[in-house]
Amino acid sequence: MKVLYAAALSLAFFSVATAETRLWATWVNGVDQGEGAGIYIRSSTNAPVKDLWSNDMRCGIGGNIVVPASLKVKAGDKLDLEWHRDNRTNSDIIIDPEQRGPIQLYMAPAGSNGSGNVWVKILSAAYSSSYRKWGTEALLDKRGRATIWVPNVPAGKYLLRPEILALHEADELYGRNPDRGIQVYTSCIQIEVTSSGPYTLPSGIPFPGAYTGCTPGITWDLRWDPATYKAAGGDLWSQHASGLRVPQDPTKPPSSNVFHKPAPAPLRTN
């Protein structure tokens, strides 16, 4: 009985430590674009990337292959990125609550296929001292939705790379202990911007290569003061909100932040 009890405890710990999530769908101005894996979303696995030097850091596991479609969008369009763990229903847990950490999003020209210093950060929601929540906790509050607005970039095809950085095992580096390490949940959305804006994406950062064991925010113990946490990947692009049609109130969280709570469209139940 003791052996069985120990095995049950071990299994319970493993299931918590390896809970998973992935991007399932995108909404454009409140219109559901359907499940995107293999269509306009490149990766279809909910397993994390732990090797920071793997090419899977670009678009997730198996995500470096171009998929058939690109979502047509314009500057200022509102995109709701919908995450789930097991299925696309209201009962899905989305992500284990213990997997706390930032949600970020990068943008790159599609012609680069994600290779080189091309990834420009347009969203970062780490820990909010105002809300006293991590980005992932805000994501759970919004039933798996993170909202961005398309920047006012030139017409053309682009890649959007959303990521969740789960910190529950980030107190050690994966390279030193393969059972630990930060867990990166990422994929790429193919979009085609049909409007013609003035703000060309600047030079960005590379994946792999931008996140290393020495990068602030990669090693972290969730028992530390979250208000001191700084997410990896540098600062937001100055034109990340250039597509917004109304000025932002400087006394409120930025509208491209996951903590902003627009009324979500209803989730599908089948």
Protein backbone atom coordinates (compact mmCIF):
# COMPACT_ATOMS: atom_id res chain seq x y z
CA MET A 1 0.00 0.00 0.00
CA LYS A 2 2.85 2.40 0.79
CA VAL A 3 4.35 1.71 -2.62
CA LEU A 4 1.03 2.39 -4.34
CA TYR A 5 0.55 5.58 -2.30
CA ALA A 6 4.03 6.82 -3.23
CA ALA A 7 3.39 6.03 -6.88
CA ALA A 8 0.08 7.93 -6.77
CA LEU A 9 1.80 10.96 -5.25
CA SER A 10 4.50 10.81 -7.90
CA LEU A 11 1.91 10.61 -10.68
CA ALA A 12 -0.04 13.51 -9.21
CA PHE A 13 3.09 15.67 -9.07
CA PHE A 14 4.02 14.74 -12.63
CA SER A 15 0.59 15.62 -13.96
CA VAL A 16 0.75 19.07 -12.37
CA ALA A 17 4.33 19.74 -13.45
CA THR A 18 3.67 18.82 -17.07
CA ALA A 19 0.24 20.38 -17.64
CA GLU A 20 0.12 21.85 -21.13
CA THR A 21 -1.55 24.50 -23.27
CA ARG A 22 -1.53 25.81 -26.82
CA LEU A 23 -3.07 28.42 -29.07
CA TRP A 24 -6.22 26.95 -30.63
CA ALA A 25 -7.90 29.78 -32.52
CA THR A 26 -8.03 33.48 -33.34
CA TRP A 27 -10.92 35.93 -33.45
CA VAL A 28 -10.72 38.96 -35.78
CA ASN A 29 -12.95 41.86 -34.67
CA GLY A 30 -15.12 39.38 -32.78
CA VAL A 31 -15.44 36.88 -35.65
CA ASP A 32 -14.22 33.36 -34.96
CA GLN A 33 -11.69 32.21 -37.56
CA GLY A 34 -12.02 28.57 -36.49
CA GLU A 35 -9.46 26.18 -35.10
CA GLY A 36 -6.19 27.11 -36.75
CA ALA A 37 -3.75 24.23 -36.30
CA GLY A 38 -2.36 23.19 -39.67
CA ILE A 39 -4.40 25.91 -41.42
CA TYR A 40 -3.21 29.32 -40.26
CA ILE A 41 -1.47 28.29 -37.00
CA ARG A 42 1.79 26.45 -37.54
CA SER A 43 2.17 24.27 -34.43
CA SER A 44 -0.50 21.83 -33.27
CA THR A 45 1.15 20.46 -30.12
CA ASN A 46 0.54 21.65 -26.58
CA ALA A 47 3.95 20.45 -25.37
CA PRO A 48 6.41 23.12 -24.22
CA VAL A 49 9.82 23.94 -25.65
CA LYS A 50 12.45 23.64 -22.92
CA ASP A 51 15.68 23.65 -24.94
CA LEU A 52 16.23 27.37 -25.52
CA TRP A 53 18.64 26.64 -28.39
CA SER A 54 16.17 24.53 -30.35
CA ASN A 55 14.75 25.84 -33.64
CA ASP A 56 11.36 25.02 -32.08
CA MET A 57 11.75 28.31 -30.19
CA ARG A 58 10.66 30.07 -33.39
CA CYS A 59 7.15 28.71 -33.90
CA GLY A 60 6.81 25.79 -31.50
CA ILE A 61 7.39 22.09 -31.97
CA GLY A 62 6.92 21.27 -35.64
CA GLY A 63 6.07 24.90 -36.37
CA ASN A 64 8.77 25.78 -38.88
CA ILE A 65 6.68 24.47 -41.80
CA VAL A 66 4.50 26.97 -43.69
CA VAL A 67 0.76 26.21 -43.48
CA PRO A 68 -1.75 26.90 -46.31
CA ALA A 69 -3.63 29.99 -45.10
CA SER A 70 -3.00 33.46 -43.71
CA LEU A 71 -5.63 35.50 -41.87
CA LYS A 72 -6.39 38.73 -43.72
CA VAL A 73 -6.32 41.68 -41.31
CA LYS A 74 -5.95 45.47 -41.32
CA ALA A 75 -4.19 47.90 -39.03
CA GLY A 76 -6.35 48.41 -35.95
CA ASP A 77 -8.12 45.07 -36.20
CA LYS A 78 -8.67 43.46 -32.80
CA LEU A 79 -7.29 39.96 -32.50
CA ASP A 80 -8.33 37.70 -29.63
CA LEU A 81 -5.89 34.81 -29.30
CA GLU A 82 -7.62 31.82 -27.74
CA TRP A 83 -5.66 29.31 -25.65
CA HIS A 84 -6.79 25.89 -24.37
CA ARG A 85 -5.27 22.78 -22.88
CA ASP A 86 -7.49 19.84 -23.86
CA ASN A 87 -10.40 21.10 -25.97
CA ARG A 88 -12.17 24.23 -27.11
CA THR A 89 -15.04 24.30 -24.63
CA ASN A 90 -16.09 26.32 -21.60
CA SER A 91 -15.12 23.41 -19.34
CA ASP A 92 -11.47 23.32 -20.48
CA ILE A 93 -9.01 24.45 -17.79
CA ILE A 94 -6.88 26.37 -20.39
CA ILE A 95 -3.68 26.12 -18.36
CA ASP A 96 -2.89 24.77 -14.92
CA PRO A 97 -3.19 27.67 -12.42
CA GLU A 98 0.20 26.74 -10.97
CA GLN A 99 1.86 27.50 -14.30
CA ARG A 100 2.21 31.20 -13.65
CA GLY A 101 4.23 33.56 -15.82
CA PRO A 102 4.21 36.13 -18.62
CA ILE A 103 2.31 36.18 -21.88
CA GLN A 104 4.14 37.87 -24.75
CA LEU A 105 3.77 38.28 -28.48
CA TYR A 106 6.29 38.98 -31.24
CA MET A 107 5.86 39.90 -34.89
CA ALA A 108 8.15 39.20 -37.87
CA PRO A 109 8.01 39.38 -41.68
CA ALA A 110 6.75 36.04 -42.99
CA GLY A 111 9.42 36.01 -45.68
CA SER A 112 12.05 35.48 -42.98
CA ASN A 113 10.35 32.25 -41.85
CA GLY A 114 11.32 33.42 -38.36
CA SER A 115 15.06 33.15 -38.96
CA GLY A 116 17.45 35.90 -37.88
CA ASN A 117 17.06 39.11 -35.87
CA VAL A 118 13.46 39.58 -36.99
CA TRP A 119 11.20 39.15 -33.94
CA VAL A 120 9.76 42.42 -32.62
CA LYS A 121 7.83 42.45 -29.33
CA ILE A 122 4.32 43.93 -29.56
CA LEU A 123 2.78 42.59 -26.33
CA SER A 124 4.15 41.80 -22.89
CA ALA A 125 2.06 40.97 -19.83
CA ALA A 126 4.27 39.69 -17.02
CA TYR A 127 3.20 40.55 -13.45
CA SER A 128 0.81 43.43 -12.78
CA SER A 129 1.25 45.02 -9.37
CA SER A 130 -2.06 46.84 -9.93
CA TYR A 131 -4.02 43.63 -10.50
CA ARG A 132 -1.66 41.46 -8.39
CA LYS A 133 -1.72 38.83 -11.09
CA TRP A 134 0.57 37.19 -13.61
CA GLY A 135 -0.29 37.31 -17.30
CA THR A 136 -1.39 33.67 -17.18
CA GLU A 137 -3.77 34.40 -14.29
CA ALA A 138 -5.33 37.25 -16.29
CA LEU A 139 -5.62 34.83 -19.21
CA LEU A 140 -7.63 32.47 -17.01
CA ASP A 141 -9.87 35.36 -15.96
CA LYS A 142 -10.58 36.03 -19.65
CA ARG A 143 -11.29 32.34 -20.36
CA GLY A 144 -8.14 31.92 -22.43
CA ARG A 145 -8.25 35.16 -24.42
CA ALA A 146 -5.33 37.54 -24.95
CA THR A 147 -6.14 40.65 -26.98
CA ILE A 148 -3.93 42.67 -29.33
CA TRP A 149 -4.50 45.21 -32.09
CA VAL A 150 -2.71 44.93 -35.42
CA PRO A 151 0.01 47.62 -35.66
CA ASN A 152 -0.01 50.09 -38.54
CA VAL A 153 2.60 48.27 -40.61
CA PRO A 154 3.05 48.12 -44.41
CA ALA A 155 0.92 45.65 -46.34
CA GLY A 156 2.32 42.16 -46.54
CA LYS A 157 2.53 38.79 -44.85
CA TYR A 158 3.70 38.47 -41.26
CA LEU A 159 4.13 35.93 -38.49
CA LEU A 160 2.68 36.49 -35.03
CA ARG A 161 4.45 34.51 -32.31
CA PRO A 162 2.49 34.38 -29.02
CA GLU A 163 4.21 32.73 -26.08
CA ILE A 164 3.52 31.75 -22.51
CA LEU A 165 6.59 31.52 -20.27
CA ALA A 166 5.62 29.10 -17.50
CA LEU A 167 7.86 29.70 -14.46
CA HIS A 168 6.75 26.95 -12.09
CA GLU A 169 9.97 24.96 -12.72
CA ALA A 170 12.21 27.86 -13.72
CA ASP A 171 14.23 27.86 -10.49
CA GLU A 172 16.80 25.73 -12.35
CA LEU A 173 18.03 25.76 -15.92
CA TYR A 174 16.99 22.92 -18.23
CA GLY A 175 20.61 22.53 -19.34
CA ARG A 176 21.63 21.72 -15.77
CA ASN A 177 18.57 19.71 -14.79
CA PRO A 178 16.37 18.39 -17.66
CA ASP A 179 13.56 17.77 -15.17
CA ARG A 180 13.35 21.52 -14.49
CA GLY A 181 13.62 24.72 -16.50
CA ILE A 182 11.32 27.38 -17.93
CA GLN A 183 8.58 26.05 -20.22
CA VAL A 184 7.93 28.00 -23.43
CA TYR A 185 4.52 27.47 -25.03
CA THR A 186 4.59 29.04 -28.47
CA SER A 187 3.38 28.80 -32.05
CA CYS A 188 3.03 31.11 -35.06
CA ILE A 189 -0.05 32.64 -36.65
CA GLN A 190 0.25 33.51 -40.32
CA ILE A 191 -1.42 36.84 -41.16
CA GLU A 192 -1.65 39.05 -44.22
CA VAL A 193 -2.00 42.78 -43.56
CA THR A 194 -4.04 44.34 -46.37
CA SER A 195 -3.81 47.97 -45.22
CA SER A 196 -0.70 50.02 -45.98
CA GLY A 197 0.82 51.65 -42.89
CA PRO A 198 3.95 53.76 -42.39
CA TYR A 199 5.63 51.84 -39.55
CA THR A 200 8.06 49.20 -40.84
CA LEU A 201 9.13 46.60 -38.30
CA PRO A 202 12.59 47.43 -36.96
CA SER A 203 15.39 44.92 -36.44
CA GLY A 204 14.40 42.50 -33.71
CA ILE A 205 15.76 39.55 -31.78
CA PRO A 206 16.43 35.96 -32.88
CA PHE A 207 14.77 32.71 -31.86
CA PRO A 208 16.65 30.70 -30.89
CA GLY A 209 19.31 32.87 -29.32
CA ALA A 210 17.43 35.68 -27.58
CA TYR A 211 16.70 33.64 -24.45
CA THR A 212 19.68 32.09 -22.66
CA GLY A 213 20.47 30.97 -19.15
CA CYS A 214 21.89 34.46 -18.51
CA THR A 215 18.80 36.32 -19.74
CA PRO A 216 16.82 38.04 -16.95
CA GLY A 217 13.44 36.38 -16.51
CA ILE A 218 14.52 32.92 -17.68
CA THR A 219 15.57 31.67 -14.26
CA TRP A 220 13.00 32.51 -11.61
CA ASP A 221 11.57 31.15 -8.37
CA LEU A 222 7.86 31.87 -7.94
CA ARG A 223 8.47 32.39 -4.24
CA TRP A 224 10.39 35.58 -5.06
CA ASP A 225 8.72 39.00 -5.13
CA PRO A 226 6.84 39.02 -8.47
CA ALA A 227 6.91 42.82 -8.62
CA THR A 228 10.66 42.60 -9.34
CA TYR A 229 10.27 40.23 -12.29
CA LYS A 230 11.29 41.49 -15.75
CA ALA A 231 10.22 39.43 -18.75
CA ALA A 232 12.80 38.30 -21.27
CA GLY A 233 12.96 39.76 -24.77
CA GLY A 234 13.53 43.45 -24.15
CA ASP A 235 11.11 46.33 -24.50
CA LEU A 236 7.93 46.69 -26.53
CA TRP A 237 8.25 48.21 -29.98
CA SER A 238 7.37 51.90 -29.75
CA GLN A 239 4.70 51.45 -32.46
CA HIS A 240 3.12 48.33 -30.99
CA ALA A 241 -0.18 50.19 -30.48
CA SER A 242 0.02 52.27 -33.69
CA GLY A 243 -3.07 50.56 -35.07
CA LEU A 244 -5.35 51.82 -32.29
CA ARG A 245 -7.85 54.37 -33.57
CA VAL A 246 -8.33 56.16 -30.23
CA PRO A 247 -5.69 57.57 -27.86
CA GLN A 248 -4.89 55.51 -24.79
CA ASP A 249 -5.54 56.81 -21.31
CA PRO A 250 -2.07 56.95 -19.68
CA THR A 251 -3.61 56.31 -16.24
CA LYS A 252 -4.89 52.88 -17.33
CA PRO A 253 -3.16 49.67 -18.47
CA PRO A 254 -2.35 49.78 -22.21
CA SER A 255 -5.09 48.44 -24.44
CA SER A 256 -2.74 45.92 -26.05
CA ASN A 257 -2.14 44.34 -22.64
CA VAL A 258 -3.73 41.04 -21.64
CA PHE A 259 -4.96 42.67 -18.42
CA HIS A 260 -7.29 44.91 -20.45
CA LYS A 261 -10.73 43.29 -20.41
CA PRO A 262 -12.92 43.95 -23.46
CA ALA A 263 -16.15 41.99 -23.54
CA PRO A 264 -15.19 38.57 -24.96
CA ALA A 265 -17.15 36.81 -27.63
CA PRO A 266 -18.79 33.59 -26.36
CA LEU A 267 -16.77 30.40 -26.43
CA ARG A 268 -17.90 27.50 -28.54
CA THR A 269 -19.31 24.53 -26.66
CA ASN A 270 -18.80 21.84 -29.27
